[in-house]
Amino acid sequence: MKFVDEAIITVSSGHGGAGCSSFRRERYIEFGGPDGGDGGDGGDVVLRVDPGQRTLYDYRRQKLFHAKNGAPGLGKQKHGKNGNHLFLDLPPGTLVSNADTLEPIVDLTLEHAEHIIARGGQGGRGNKRFATSTNRAPRFSQPGIAGVEMRLKLELKLLADVGIVGLPNAGKSTLISAVSSARPKIADYPFTTLTPTLGMVEPPFGEPFAMADIPGLIEGAHEGTGLGIKFLKHIERTGILIHLIDVGGIDPEHPLESFNLINKELSMYSEKLAKKSQIVVLNKIDLTGVQNRVDSFKAAVPNLTVLTISAVTGQGVKSLVKLLAGKLQKE
């Protein structure tokens, strides 16, 4: 299924049914006596979290959603039937905002959580309701109250414990395929990964955790260059970031060039991202003649713990998983 992480839809709750104005036909009772029933309430529009949903694809194809209207009241004090509620199933991590004002309404993160986004209109009261000692034959009833119509912006932000960031071809897809059952497309050209990939990692201890492979960032990503701005928002929900660096691309004269570039893009997009816990990992140490590049990078960041791995051969990968599991347990 195509990955879709944004959609704009219009929802409307059901209108309340009109109350009924009718009279019994009985001898000696003025107008037969009022017996109009109330109209039924309109259906609500309810947002519901479905763990089985992974994208907003269905909401790009269909954009209008209407709950059922309440039925009108009938004679003999028969109340109209309430309109059925409309349930919209959304993937976990969907942020719902007002599409016109962009004001956030609800952040759907808990599995099977429900939120009434638009309440149905109340049914009108029938003329039986208005009978009094001084007005025993009311000839009027209430119309139903109209439902609510809203334009909603749906924005999916992946829920992951660990997010992998780095320049294109740093080896993010290879790493996530090495530690989980996820099988993203892997190739040796930039932007092989066009959509985020989520995989479950089972460490040797502790609970399994979710890891997300975020498509490659480049300079200017926070302004929309490349694919960056489309996926930077997915990193916001991650607990820990793996900052993956292709050791073969390190210039010993300027070893922190790519490292600083990615961190700059994160901070320009959001201060929250800049403050996230990072594990710096140098990948592809199986390449020949890269030790001087590793040494130059470590020397430039003496206060940082830097791991070295080869996602292809598996060297150092188990140690990385253990470190992640320990950090997630503490946090």
Protein backbone atom coordinates (compact mmCIF):
# COMPACT_ATOMS: atom_id res chain seq x y z
CA MET A 1 0.00 0.00 0.00
CA LYS A 2 1.23 3.49 -0.80
CA PHE A 3 2.44 5.43 2.25
CA VAL A 4 0.29 8.50 2.77
CA ASP A 5 0.84 10.66 5.84
CA GLU A 6 -1.50 13.63 5.27
CA ALA A 7 -5.10 14.09 4.21
CA ILE A 8 -7.81 16.74 4.44
CA ILE A 9 -11.39 15.53 4.87
CA THR A 10 -14.80 17.00 5.60
CA VAL A 11 -16.99 15.37 8.24
CA SER A 12 -20.54 16.20 9.23
CA SER A 13 -22.60 14.80 12.05
CA GLY A 14 -26.23 13.88 11.55
CA HIS A 15 -29.09 16.35 11.79
CA GLY A 16 -31.65 15.88 14.52
CA GLY A 17 -35.05 14.68 13.31
CA ALA A 18 -38.02 17.04 13.51
CA GLY A 19 -40.56 16.64 16.26
CA CYS A 20 -44.06 15.63 15.22
CA SER A 21 -47.22 17.70 15.65
CA SER A 22 -50.23 15.39 15.70
CA PHE A 23 -53.43 14.75 17.68
CA ARG A 24 -55.37 11.76 18.87
CA ARG A 25 -58.85 11.49 17.46
CA GLU A 26 -60.97 10.87 20.53
CA ARG A 27 -64.48 12.06 21.32
CA TYR A 28 -64.82 14.84 23.89
CA ILE A 29 -61.06 15.64 23.81
CA GLU A 30 -60.17 18.91 22.11
CA PHE A 31 -58.34 18.12 18.85
CA GLY A 32 -58.07 14.57 20.13
CA GLY A 33 -55.19 15.54 22.43
CA PRO A 34 -51.54 16.06 21.36
CA ASP A 35 -49.51 12.89 20.76
CA GLY A 36 -46.57 14.00 18.57
CA GLY A 37 -43.29 12.17 19.33
CA ASP A 38 -39.79 13.60 19.48
CA GLY A 39 -37.36 13.41 16.58
CA GLY A 40 -34.30 11.16 16.86
CA ASP A 41 -30.83 12.55 17.58
CA GLY A 42 -28.35 12.76 14.72
CA GLY A 43 -25.35 10.42 14.70
CA ASP A 44 -21.95 11.51 16.00
CA VAL A 45 -18.70 11.39 14.03
CA VAL A 46 -16.23 9.41 16.13
CA LEU A 47 -12.49 9.08 15.49
CA ARG A 48 -11.15 5.70 16.53
CA VAL A 49 -7.57 4.43 16.72
CA ASP A 50 -7.06 1.17 14.84
CA PRO A 51 -3.63 -0.46 15.38
CA GLY A 52 -4.12 -2.34 12.10
CA GLN A 53 -4.09 0.89 10.09
CA ARG A 54 -0.69 2.06 8.85
CA THR A 55 -1.46 4.94 6.46
CA LEU A 56 -4.08 7.58 5.67
CA TYR A 57 -4.46 6.25 2.14
CA ASP A 58 -8.22 5.65 2.38
CA TYR A 59 -8.76 9.28 3.38
CA ARG A 60 -7.02 10.54 0.27
CA ARG A 61 -9.49 8.63 -1.90
CA GLN A 62 -12.65 9.54 0.01
CA LYS A 63 -12.94 13.02 1.46
CA LEU A 64 -16.57 13.42 2.55
CA PHE A 65 -18.01 11.58 5.56
CA HIS A 66 -21.57 11.96 6.87
CA ALA A 67 -23.15 10.42 9.94
CA LYS A 68 -26.82 9.42 9.67
CA ASN A 69 -29.61 11.89 10.41
CA GLY A 70 -32.15 11.27 13.13
CA ALA A 71 -35.60 10.18 11.97
CA PRO A 72 -38.57 12.51 12.52
CA GLY A 73 -41.02 11.84 15.31
CA LEU A 74 -44.41 10.22 14.59
CA GLY A 75 -47.91 10.29 15.98
CA LYS A 76 -48.97 8.16 18.95
CA GLN A 77 -45.91 9.52 20.79
CA LYS A 78 -43.53 7.48 18.67
CA HIS A 79 -39.99 8.84 18.86
CA GLY A 80 -37.88 8.93 15.73
CA LYS A 81 -34.90 6.58 15.52
CA ASN A 82 -31.50 8.01 16.41
CA GLY A 83 -29.02 8.27 13.54
CA ASN A 84 -26.17 5.77 13.53
CA HIS A 85 -22.79 7.07 14.63
CA LEU A 86 -20.03 7.20 12.02
CA PHE A 87 -16.70 5.69 13.13
CA LEU A 88 -13.53 6.70 11.27
CA ASP A 89 -10.61 4.35 11.91
CA LEU A 90 -7.21 6.04 11.96
CA PRO A 91 -3.67 4.72 12.49
CA PRO A 92 -1.94 5.33 15.83
CA GLY A 93 -0.02 8.59 15.81
CA THR A 94 -2.57 10.63 13.84
CA LEU A 95 -2.71 14.31 14.74
CA VAL A 96 -6.11 15.83 13.94
CA SER A 97 -6.35 19.59 13.41
CA ASN A 98 -8.88 22.11 12.14
CA ALA A 99 -8.01 22.37 8.45
CA ASP A 100 -9.01 26.05 8.30
CA THR A 101 -7.26 27.36 11.45
CA LEU A 102 -4.63 24.57 11.78
CA GLU A 103 -5.45 24.48 15.49
CA PRO A 104 -4.76 20.98 16.90
CA ILE A 105 -7.86 19.16 18.14
CA VAL A 106 -6.71 15.73 19.27
CA ASP A 107 -3.55 13.62 19.10
CA LEU A 108 -4.54 9.97 18.66
CA THR A 109 -1.74 7.89 20.15
CA LEU A 110 -3.42 5.30 22.40
CA GLU A 111 -4.62 2.08 20.77
CA HIS A 112 -8.42 1.77 20.46
CA ALA A 113 -8.91 5.30 21.84
CA GLU A 114 -12.06 7.09 20.66
CA HIS A 115 -12.81 10.79 20.30
CA ILE A 116 -16.13 12.37 19.32
CA ILE A 117 -15.10 15.01 16.82
CA ALA A 118 -18.62 16.18 15.83
CA ARG A 119 -21.74 15.57 17.90
CA GLY A 120 -25.02 14.94 16.16
CA GLY A 121 -27.85 17.44 16.34
CA GLN A 122 -30.53 16.92 18.96
CA GLY A 123 -33.94 15.79 17.80
CA GLY A 124 -36.82 18.27 18.01
CA ARG A 125 -39.55 17.85 20.60
CA GLY A 126 -43.02 16.81 19.52
CA ASN A 127 -46.13 18.78 20.41
CA LYS A 128 -46.95 16.36 23.24
CA ARG A 129 -44.04 17.93 25.13
CA PHE A 130 -45.64 21.37 25.07
CA ALA A 131 -49.00 20.45 26.52
CA THR A 132 -49.81 22.35 29.72
CA SER A 133 -52.87 22.96 31.87
CA THR A 134 -53.48 26.21 30.00
CA ASN A 135 -52.51 24.98 26.55
CA ARG A 136 -53.85 21.48 26.22
CA ALA A 137 -53.68 21.37 22.44
CA PRO A 138 -50.37 22.87 21.26
CA ARG A 139 -50.19 22.97 17.51
CA PHE A 140 -46.43 23.33 17.20
CA SER A 141 -43.33 21.15 17.53
CA GLN A 142 -39.60 21.76 17.27
CA PRO A 143 -37.41 21.19 14.22
CA GLY A 144 -34.30 19.12 14.77
CA ILE A 145 -30.98 20.83 15.44
CA ALA A 146 -28.55 20.73 12.52
CA GLY A 147 -25.40 18.64 12.75
CA VAL A 148 -21.86 20.00 12.73
CA GLU A 149 -19.67 20.16 9.63
CA MET A 150 -15.88 20.41 9.94
CA ARG A 151 -12.84 20.31 7.69
CA LEU A 152 -10.14 18.25 9.31
CA LYS A 153 -6.45 17.90 8.58
CA LEU A 154 -5.15 14.41 9.35
CA GLU A 155 -1.40 14.15 9.84
CA LEU A 156 0.29 10.86 10.61
CA LYS A 157 3.44 10.93 12.71
CA LEU A 158 5.08 7.57 13.19
CA LEU A 159 5.26 6.23 16.72
CA ALA A 160 8.71 4.72 17.19
CA ASP A 161 11.02 4.25 20.14
CA VAL A 162 14.13 4.71 17.99
CA GLY A 163 14.57 6.72 14.81
CA ILE A 164 17.52 6.42 12.41
CA VAL A 165 18.62 9.68 10.79
CA GLY A 166 21.48 10.48 8.46
CA LEU A 167 22.42 11.48 4.94
CA PRO A 168 21.20 9.41 1.98
CA ASN A 169 23.07 6.09 1.66
CA ALA A 170 24.33 6.13 5.24
CA GLY A 171 22.99 2.58 5.52
CA LYS A 172 19.75 3.21 7.43
CA SER A 173 17.71 0.68 5.47
CA THR A 174 20.45 -1.95 5.78
CA LEU A 175 20.60 -1.41 9.54
CA ILE A 176 16.86 -1.72 10.13
CA SER A 177 16.74 -4.86 7.99
CA ALA A 178 19.64 -6.29 10.05
CA VAL A 179 17.90 -5.82 13.41
CA SER A 180 14.25 -6.44 12.48
CA SER A 181 12.07 -8.27 10.00
CA ALA A 182 11.48 -5.08 8.00
CA ARG A 183 12.62 -5.38 4.40
CA PRO A 184 12.94 -1.92 2.85
CA LYS A 185 14.33 -1.45 -0.63
CA ILE A 186 18.13 -1.25 -0.53
CA ALA A 187 20.25 0.16 -3.36
CA ASP A 188 23.44 2.20 -3.82
CA TYR A 189 21.84 5.40 -5.10
CA PRO A 190 20.54 8.39 -3.10
CA PHE A 191 16.94 8.46 -1.90
CA THR A 192 16.39 4.73 -2.27
CA THR A 193 14.06 5.00 0.71
CA LEU A 194 11.09 7.17 -0.24
CA THR A 195 8.87 6.36 2.75
CA PRO A 196 9.60 5.69 6.43
CA THR A 197 10.02 2.04 7.37
CA LEU A 198 8.98 0.72 10.78
CA GLY A 199 10.45 -2.47 12.22
CA MET A 200 10.18 -4.26 15.58
CA VAL A 201 13.48 -5.12 17.28
CA GLU A 202 13.69 -7.93 19.85
CA PRO A 203 16.67 -7.24 22.14
CA PRO A 204 18.32 -9.91 24.31
CA PHE A 205 16.64 -8.33 27.35
CA GLY A 206 13.73 -5.99 28.00
CA GLU A 207 10.68 -5.31 25.86
CA PRO A 208 10.74 -5.30 22.03
CA PHE A 209 10.92 -1.79 20.61
CA ALA A 210 9.95 -0.07 17.37
CA MET A 211 12.64 1.38 15.12
CA ALA A 212 11.95 3.77 12.23
CA ASP A 213 14.17 4.28 9.20
CA ILE A 214 13.64 7.92 8.22
CA PRO A 215 14.36 8.80 4.55
CA GLY A 216 17.67 10.59 4.01
CA LEU A 217 18.01 14.23 5.01
CA ILE A 218 20.07 16.75 3.07
CA GLU A 219 21.02 20.38 3.53
CA GLY A 220 17.92 22.56 3.47
CA ALA A 221 15.62 19.70 4.53
CA HIS A 222 13.83 21.92 7.08
CA GLU A 223 12.82 24.24 4.21
CA GLY A 224 11.53 21.43 2.02
CA THR A 225 14.65 20.53 0.06
CA GLY A 226 14.72 16.88 -0.96
CA LEU A 227 12.38 14.64 1.02
CA GLY A 228 13.35 16.01 4.41
CA ILE A 229 10.52 18.27 5.54
CA LYS A 230 7.98 15.60 4.67
CA PHE A 231 9.50 13.20 7.17
CA LEU A 232 11.17 15.36 9.82
CA LYS A 233 7.86 15.35 11.69
CA HIS A 234 8.09 11.57 12.11
CA ILE A 235 11.28 12.00 14.15
CA GLU A 236 9.43 14.18 16.68
CA ARG A 237 7.79 11.17 18.31
CA THR A 238 10.89 9.00 18.62
CA GLY A 239 12.50 8.54 22.02
CA ILE A 240 16.10 8.07 20.86
CA LEU A 241 17.85 8.98 17.61
CA ILE A 242 20.55 6.89 15.97
CA HIS A 243 22.69 9.35 14.05
CA LEU A 244 24.11 7.07 11.36
CA ILE A 245 27.16 8.21 9.41
CA ASP A 246 28.80 6.55 6.41
CA VAL A 247 32.41 6.27 7.54
CA GLY A 248 33.56 6.14 3.91
CA GLY A 249 32.20 9.64 3.37
CA ILE A 250 34.11 11.23 6.26
CA ASP A 251 36.75 13.76 5.22
CA PRO A 252 39.63 13.44 7.72
CA GLU A 253 40.29 17.17 7.31
CA HIS A 254 36.67 18.05 8.13
CA PRO A 255 35.32 14.95 9.90
CA LEU A 256 32.19 16.56 11.39
CA GLU A 257 30.81 18.03 8.17
CA SER A 258 27.91 15.59 7.69
CA PHE A 259 27.37 15.22 11.44
CA ASN A 260 26.92 18.98 11.89
CA LEU A 261 24.77 19.27 8.76
CA ILE A 262 22.16 16.79 10.05
CA ASN A 263 22.12 18.33 13.53
CA LYS A 264 21.64 21.78 12.01
CA GLU A 265 18.65 20.58 10.00
CA LEU A 266 17.10 19.00 13.10
CA SER A 267 17.51 22.16 15.17
CA MET A 268 16.24 24.42 12.36
CA TYR A 269 13.09 22.33 12.12
CA SER A 270 12.45 22.06 15.85
CA GLU A 271 14.29 22.76 19.10
CA LYS A 272 12.62 19.63 20.41
CA LEU A 273 14.48 17.55 17.83
CA ALA A 274 17.78 19.20 18.64
CA LYS A 275 17.45 18.15 22.29
CA LYS A 276 16.65 14.50 21.62
CA SER A 277 19.04 11.86 22.91
CA GLN A 278 21.39 10.70 20.13
CA ILE A 279 23.61 7.68 19.67
CA VAL A 280 26.31 8.43 17.11
CA VAL A 281 27.11 5.40 14.97
CA LEU A 282 29.75 5.13 12.26
CA ASN A 283 28.62 2.57 9.69
CA LYS A 284 30.45 0.58 6.97
CA ILE A 285 33.62 -0.11 8.95
CA ASP A 286 33.99 -3.24 6.83
CA LEU A 287 35.37 -0.98 4.06
CA THR A 288 39.14 -1.04 3.67
CA GLY A 289 41.26 1.91 4.71
CA VAL A 290 38.71 3.71 6.88
CA GLN A 291 40.41 3.52 10.27
CA ASN A 292 41.98 6.96 9.88
CA ARG A 293 38.52 8.38 9.15
CA VAL A 294 37.13 6.76 12.30
CA ASP A 295 40.02 8.10 14.38
CA SER A 296 39.65 11.63 13.00
CA PHE A 297 35.92 11.67 13.78
CA LYS A 298 36.37 10.39 17.35
CA ALA A 299 39.15 12.89 17.97
CA ALA A 300 36.84 15.73 16.88
CA VAL A 301 34.14 14.72 19.43
CA PRO A 302 36.11 13.51 22.47
CA ASN A 303 33.12 13.94 24.81
CA LEU A 304 30.79 11.75 22.73
CA THR A 305 30.50 7.98 22.78
CA VAL A 306 30.84 6.85 19.17
CA LEU A 307 29.93 3.31 18.12
CA THR A 308 31.30 1.62 15.01
CA ILE A 309 29.33 -1.00 13.12
CA SER A 310 28.92 -2.73 9.81
CA ALA A 311 25.23 -3.19 9.10
CA VAL A 312 26.14 -5.49 6.19
CA THR A 313 28.36 -7.93 8.12
CA GLY A 314 26.68 -7.47 11.51
CA GLN A 315 29.84 -6.29 13.25
CA GLY A 316 28.90 -4.22 16.32
CA VAL A 317 25.14 -4.45 15.62
CA LYS A 318 24.35 -6.62 18.66
CA SER A 319 26.17 -4.17 20.94
CA LEU A 320 24.13 -1.33 19.46
CA VAL A 321 20.86 -3.18 20.11
CA LYS A 322 21.88 -3.88 23.72
CA LEU A 323 22.76 -0.22 24.24
CA LEU A 324 19.39 0.89 22.83
CA ALA A 325 17.49 -1.59 25.01
CA GLY A 326 19.29 -0.35 28.11
CA LYS A 327 18.64 3.32 27.30
CA LEU A 328 14.96 2.69 26.60
CA GLN A 329 14.58 0.83 29.91
CA LYS A 330 16.08 3.78 31.81
CA GLU A 331 13.94 6.33 30.00
